[in-house]
């Protein structure tokens, strides 16, 4: 459970905004997602929330699950709240030709890695308005949503119908989980709250924090769903 998103205004960076674009949801958080933050939670031996090996296993699981449901190799990935784009390297090792695009609200991460790792500046809520020239086979949002205010979360989820071609990986922790890491800004919601929000957004749960988009629902069996 590494971090919370930092709301900021988006850069253009090739992104396409829907006509109903709105201003970002207000936030009372004052956390800074600077170099020191990422050093502490991603690289410091005492504080880091996971290892490279753990991440590699997680990425492999999601890639193969998404390809199972898509019935073809992954072509592209949208990584929302990507930070320094830690998913990018293991994704490219598994699928060297994959098109990776990251989004994060950390001005530091975008300034340092935006060009080299293809990261744009945006918050989760802005998915309600952001549109691209293609839909995404896989949308990743790992350890982010439990920090996002309810209004912004619903706003961002409203865009998944247009953005998602295949599978979403929404790794989220709740009031019932024994979590560790960055507690600053953590919102302890009930599991039922998230299930309702995801279903209302047209996402069908299929286990291990993964959800099928509407375009895949016609091809699955009843017992594949939770």
Protein backbone atom coordinates (compact mmCIF):
# COMPACT_ATOMS: atom_id res chain seq x y z
CA UNK A 1 0.00 0.00 0.00
CA UNK A 2 2.56 2.57 -1.05
CA UNK A 3 1.01 5.94 -1.74
CA UNK A 4 -1.76 8.38 -2.42
CA UNK A 5 -2.26 10.45 -5.59
CA UNK A 6 -1.47 14.15 -5.47
CA UNK A 7 -4.14 16.19 -7.31
CA UNK A 8 -2.71 18.60 -9.86
CA UNK A 9 -3.68 20.12 -13.18
CA UNK A 10 -2.89 17.92 -16.21
CA UNK A 11 -0.37 18.64 -18.94
CA UNK A 12 -1.45 18.29 -22.55
CA UNK A 13 1.18 15.62 -23.41
CA UNK A 14 -0.90 14.26 -26.30
CA UNK A 15 -3.98 13.61 -24.16
CA UNK A 16 -7.45 14.24 -25.54
CA UNK A 17 -10.09 15.81 -23.29
CA UNK A 18 -13.78 15.01 -23.58
CA UNK A 19 -16.05 17.99 -24.09
CA UNK A 20 -17.57 17.62 -20.63
CA UNK A 21 -14.20 18.21 -18.94
CA UNK A 22 -14.46 19.59 -15.40
CA UNK A 23 -12.00 20.98 -12.89
CA UNK A 24 -10.21 18.56 -10.59
CA UNK A 25 -11.88 17.60 -7.35
CA UNK A 26 -10.64 19.67 -4.39
CA UNK A 27 -8.34 18.05 -1.87
CA UNK A 28 -7.24 18.87 1.64
CA UNK A 29 -4.11 16.75 1.40
CA UNK A 30 -0.73 18.50 1.57
CA UNK A 31 1.50 15.49 0.94
CA UNK A 32 4.42 15.98 -1.40
CA UNK A 33 5.23 13.21 -3.85
CA UNK A 34 8.81 14.27 -4.37
CA UNK A 35 12.08 12.36 -4.66
CA UNK A 36 12.26 11.79 -0.89
CA UNK A 37 8.81 10.20 -0.89
CA UNK A 38 9.69 7.67 -3.58
CA UNK A 39 13.06 6.92 -2.00
CA UNK A 40 11.35 6.08 1.30
CA UNK A 41 8.45 3.96 0.10
CA UNK A 42 10.01 2.29 -2.94
CA UNK A 43 13.73 1.87 -2.20
CA UNK A 44 14.47 2.23 1.52
CA UNK A 45 15.12 -1.22 3.03
CA UNK A 46 13.09 -0.45 6.16
CA UNK A 47 10.07 1.29 4.62
CA UNK A 48 9.62 -0.06 1.09
CA UNK A 49 6.31 -1.81 0.59
CA UNK A 50 7.42 -4.55 -1.81
CA UNK A 51 10.32 -6.12 -3.68
CA UNK A 52 11.10 -6.33 -7.38
CA UNK A 53 10.46 -10.07 -7.30
CA UNK A 54 7.00 -9.56 -5.79
CA UNK A 55 6.16 -6.96 -8.41
CA UNK A 56 7.40 -9.21 -11.21
CA UNK A 57 5.10 -12.03 -10.05
CA UNK A 58 2.15 -9.67 -9.81
CA UNK A 59 2.76 -8.25 -13.29
CA UNK A 60 3.11 -11.73 -14.79
CA UNK A 61 -0.16 -12.85 -13.21
CA UNK A 62 -2.07 -9.84 -14.57
CA UNK A 63 -0.55 -10.03 -18.06
CA UNK A 64 -1.45 -13.69 -18.48
CA UNK A 65 -4.93 -13.25 -17.03
CA UNK A 66 -5.65 -10.30 -19.34
CA UNK A 67 -4.39 -12.23 -22.36
CA UNK A 68 -6.53 -15.22 -21.41
CA UNK A 69 -9.68 -13.11 -21.52
CA UNK A 70 -8.62 -11.10 -24.58
CA UNK A 71 -7.56 -14.31 -26.38
CA UNK A 72 -4.51 -12.53 -27.79
CA UNK A 73 -1.29 -10.81 -26.63
CA UNK A 74 -1.53 -7.47 -24.84
CA UNK A 75 -0.98 -4.49 -27.10
CA UNK A 76 -1.13 -1.55 -24.70
CA UNK A 77 -1.37 -0.62 -21.03
CA UNK A 78 -2.56 2.48 -19.18
CA UNK A 79 -0.97 2.70 -15.71
CA UNK A 80 -2.87 5.21 -13.55
CA UNK A 81 -1.14 6.52 -10.44
CA UNK A 82 2.05 4.96 -11.79
CA UNK A 83 4.51 7.02 -9.74
CA UNK A 84 7.95 6.44 -11.26
CA UNK A 85 6.45 3.76 -13.57
CA UNK A 86 7.64 0.72 -11.62
CA UNK A 87 5.35 -1.52 -13.72
CA UNK A 88 6.93 -0.45 -17.00
CA UNK A 89 10.15 -2.51 -16.86
CA UNK A 90 8.56 -5.85 -15.87
CA UNK A 91 5.83 -5.33 -18.47
CA UNK A 92 8.40 -4.72 -21.21
CA UNK A 93 10.44 -7.73 -20.13
CA UNK A 94 7.38 -9.93 -20.60
CA UNK A 95 6.06 -8.18 -23.72
CA UNK A 96 8.83 -6.12 -25.40
CA UNK A 97 6.51 -4.63 -28.00
CA UNK A 98 3.81 -3.41 -25.62
CA UNK A 99 2.80 0.27 -25.68
CA UNK A 100 3.02 1.64 -22.13
CA UNK A 101 1.47 4.92 -21.00
CA UNK A 102 1.61 6.10 -17.40
CA UNK A 103 -0.36 8.82 -15.64
CA UNK A 104 0.53 10.32 -12.29
CA UNK A 105 -0.25 13.44 -10.27
CA UNK A 106 3.33 13.82 -8.99
CA UNK A 107 4.99 16.76 -10.70
CA UNK A 108 8.35 15.35 -9.59
CA UNK A 109 7.77 11.94 -11.23
CA UNK A 110 6.58 13.49 -14.48
CA UNK A 111 9.43 16.02 -14.62
CA UNK A 112 12.07 13.35 -14.00
CA UNK A 113 10.67 10.40 -15.94
CA UNK A 114 7.88 11.74 -18.14
CA UNK A 115 9.76 11.64 -21.43
CA UNK A 116 11.85 8.53 -20.86
CA UNK A 117 9.04 6.43 -19.38
CA UNK A 118 6.03 8.02 -21.12
CA UNK A 119 4.31 9.43 -18.02
CA UNK A 120 1.72 12.20 -18.28
CA UNK A 121 0.50 14.46 -15.48
CA UNK A 122 -3.08 13.66 -14.41
CA UNK A 123 -5.10 12.51 -11.40
CA UNK A 124 -7.41 9.51 -11.21
CA UNK A 125 -10.49 11.71 -11.37
CA UNK A 126 -9.45 13.12 -14.72
CA UNK A 127 -10.04 9.71 -16.33
CA UNK A 128 -13.65 10.88 -16.44
CA UNK A 129 -12.64 13.36 -19.15
CA UNK A 130 -9.34 12.12 -20.62
CA UNK A 131 -9.64 10.29 -23.92
CA UNK A 132 -6.95 8.79 -26.15
CA UNK A 133 -6.79 7.64 -29.76
CA UNK A 134 -7.27 4.04 -28.65
CA UNK A 135 -8.77 1.95 -25.85
CA UNK A 136 -6.51 0.00 -23.52
CA UNK A 137 -6.19 -3.77 -23.24
CA UNK A 138 -5.13 -3.36 -19.61
CA UNK A 139 -5.69 -0.50 -17.17
CA UNK A 140 -3.59 -0.70 -14.01
CA UNK A 141 -4.38 1.28 -10.86
CA UNK A 142 -2.29 -0.27 -8.10
CA UNK A 143 -2.48 0.93 -4.47
CA UNK A 144 -4.18 4.21 -5.31
CA UNK A 145 -7.96 4.14 -4.93
CA UNK A 146 -7.98 3.82 -1.13
CA UNK A 147 -6.54 7.35 -1.01
CA UNK A 148 -8.93 8.92 -3.53
CA UNK A 149 -11.95 10.92 -2.26
CA UNK A 150 -15.33 9.42 -3.17
CA UNK A 151 -16.38 12.12 -5.63
CA UNK A 152 -13.09 11.92 -7.54
CA UNK A 153 -13.15 8.13 -7.52
CA UNK A 154 -16.62 7.97 -9.08
CA UNK A 155 -15.64 10.63 -11.60
CA UNK A 156 -12.60 8.64 -12.72
CA UNK A 157 -14.48 5.35 -12.92
CA UNK A 158 -17.06 6.96 -15.19
CA UNK A 159 -14.44 7.02 -17.95
CA UNK A 160 -13.67 3.31 -17.93
CA UNK A 161 -16.47 2.48 -20.35
CA UNK A 162 -14.68 4.49 -23.05
CA UNK A 163 -11.10 3.74 -22.02
CA UNK A 164 -11.10 0.00 -21.31
CA UNK A 165 -10.94 -2.63 -24.03
CA UNK A 166 -10.11 -5.60 -21.80
CA UNK A 167 -9.13 -6.00 -18.13
CA UNK A 168 -8.61 -3.54 -15.26
CA UNK A 169 -6.31 -4.30 -12.33
CA UNK A 170 -7.57 -2.18 -9.42
CA UNK A 171 -5.50 -3.20 -6.41
CA UNK A 172 -7.38 -1.63 -3.50
CA UNK A 173 -7.38 -2.13 0.27
CA UNK A 174 -10.29 -1.74 2.64
CA UNK A 175 -11.32 -1.43 6.29
CA UNK A 176 -11.12 -5.23 6.59
CA UNK A 177 -7.49 -5.52 5.45
CA UNK A 178 -4.38 -5.58 7.62
CA UNK A 179 -2.45 -2.99 5.62
CA UNK A 180 1.05 -1.59 6.02
CA UNK A 181 2.95 1.29 4.49
CA UNK A 182 1.75 4.85 3.93
CA UNK A 183 -1.27 5.49 6.18
CA UNK A 184 -1.32 9.24 5.53
CA UNK A 185 -4.60 9.88 3.70
CA UNK A 186 -5.72 6.25 3.69
CA UNK A 187 -9.54 6.00 3.51
CA UNK A 188 -10.79 2.86 5.27
CA UNK A 189 -13.90 2.04 3.25
CA UNK A 190 -15.85 -1.20 3.46
CA UNK A 191 -15.32 -3.81 0.71
CA UNK A 192 -19.01 -3.50 -0.25
CA UNK A 193 -18.50 0.20 -0.99
CA UNK A 194 -15.88 -0.56 -3.65
CA UNK A 195 -17.81 -3.49 -5.10
CA UNK A 196 -20.83 -1.24 -5.62
CA UNK A 197 -18.71 1.51 -7.19
CA UNK A 198 -16.99 -0.89 -9.59
CA UNK A 199 -20.22 -2.60 -10.64
CA UNK A 200 -21.88 0.77 -11.24
CA UNK A 201 -18.94 1.63 -13.51
CA UNK A 202 -19.62 -1.50 -15.58
CA UNK A 203 -16.71 -3.55 -14.21
CA UNK A 204 -17.19 -7.25 -13.48
CA UNK A 205 -14.93 -8.80 -10.80
CA UNK A 206 -13.01 -11.93 -11.74
CA UNK A 207 -10.63 -12.27 -8.79
CA UNK A 208 -7.23 -11.00 -7.56
CA UNK A 209 -8.20 -7.32 -7.94
CA UNK A 210 -9.03 -7.80 -11.62
CA UNK A 211 -12.18 -6.64 -13.40
CA UNK A 212 -13.53 -7.26 -16.86
CA UNK A 213 -14.71 -4.41 -19.04
CA UNK A 214 -18.06 -4.45 -20.80
CA UNK A 215 -16.56 -5.61 -24.11
CA UNK A 216 -15.49 -8.94 -22.57
CA UNK A 217 -18.62 -9.79 -20.61
CA UNK A 218 -20.37 -11.56 -23.47
CA UNK A 219 -17.66 -14.22 -23.69
CA UNK A 220 -17.38 -15.41 -20.08
CA UNK A 221 -19.10 -18.21 -18.18
CA UNK A 222 -21.23 -17.57 -15.12
CA UNK A 223 -18.83 -19.18 -12.65
CA UNK A 224 -15.83 -17.14 -13.88
CA UNK A 225 -17.27 -14.13 -12.06
CA UNK A 226 -17.28 -13.48 -8.33
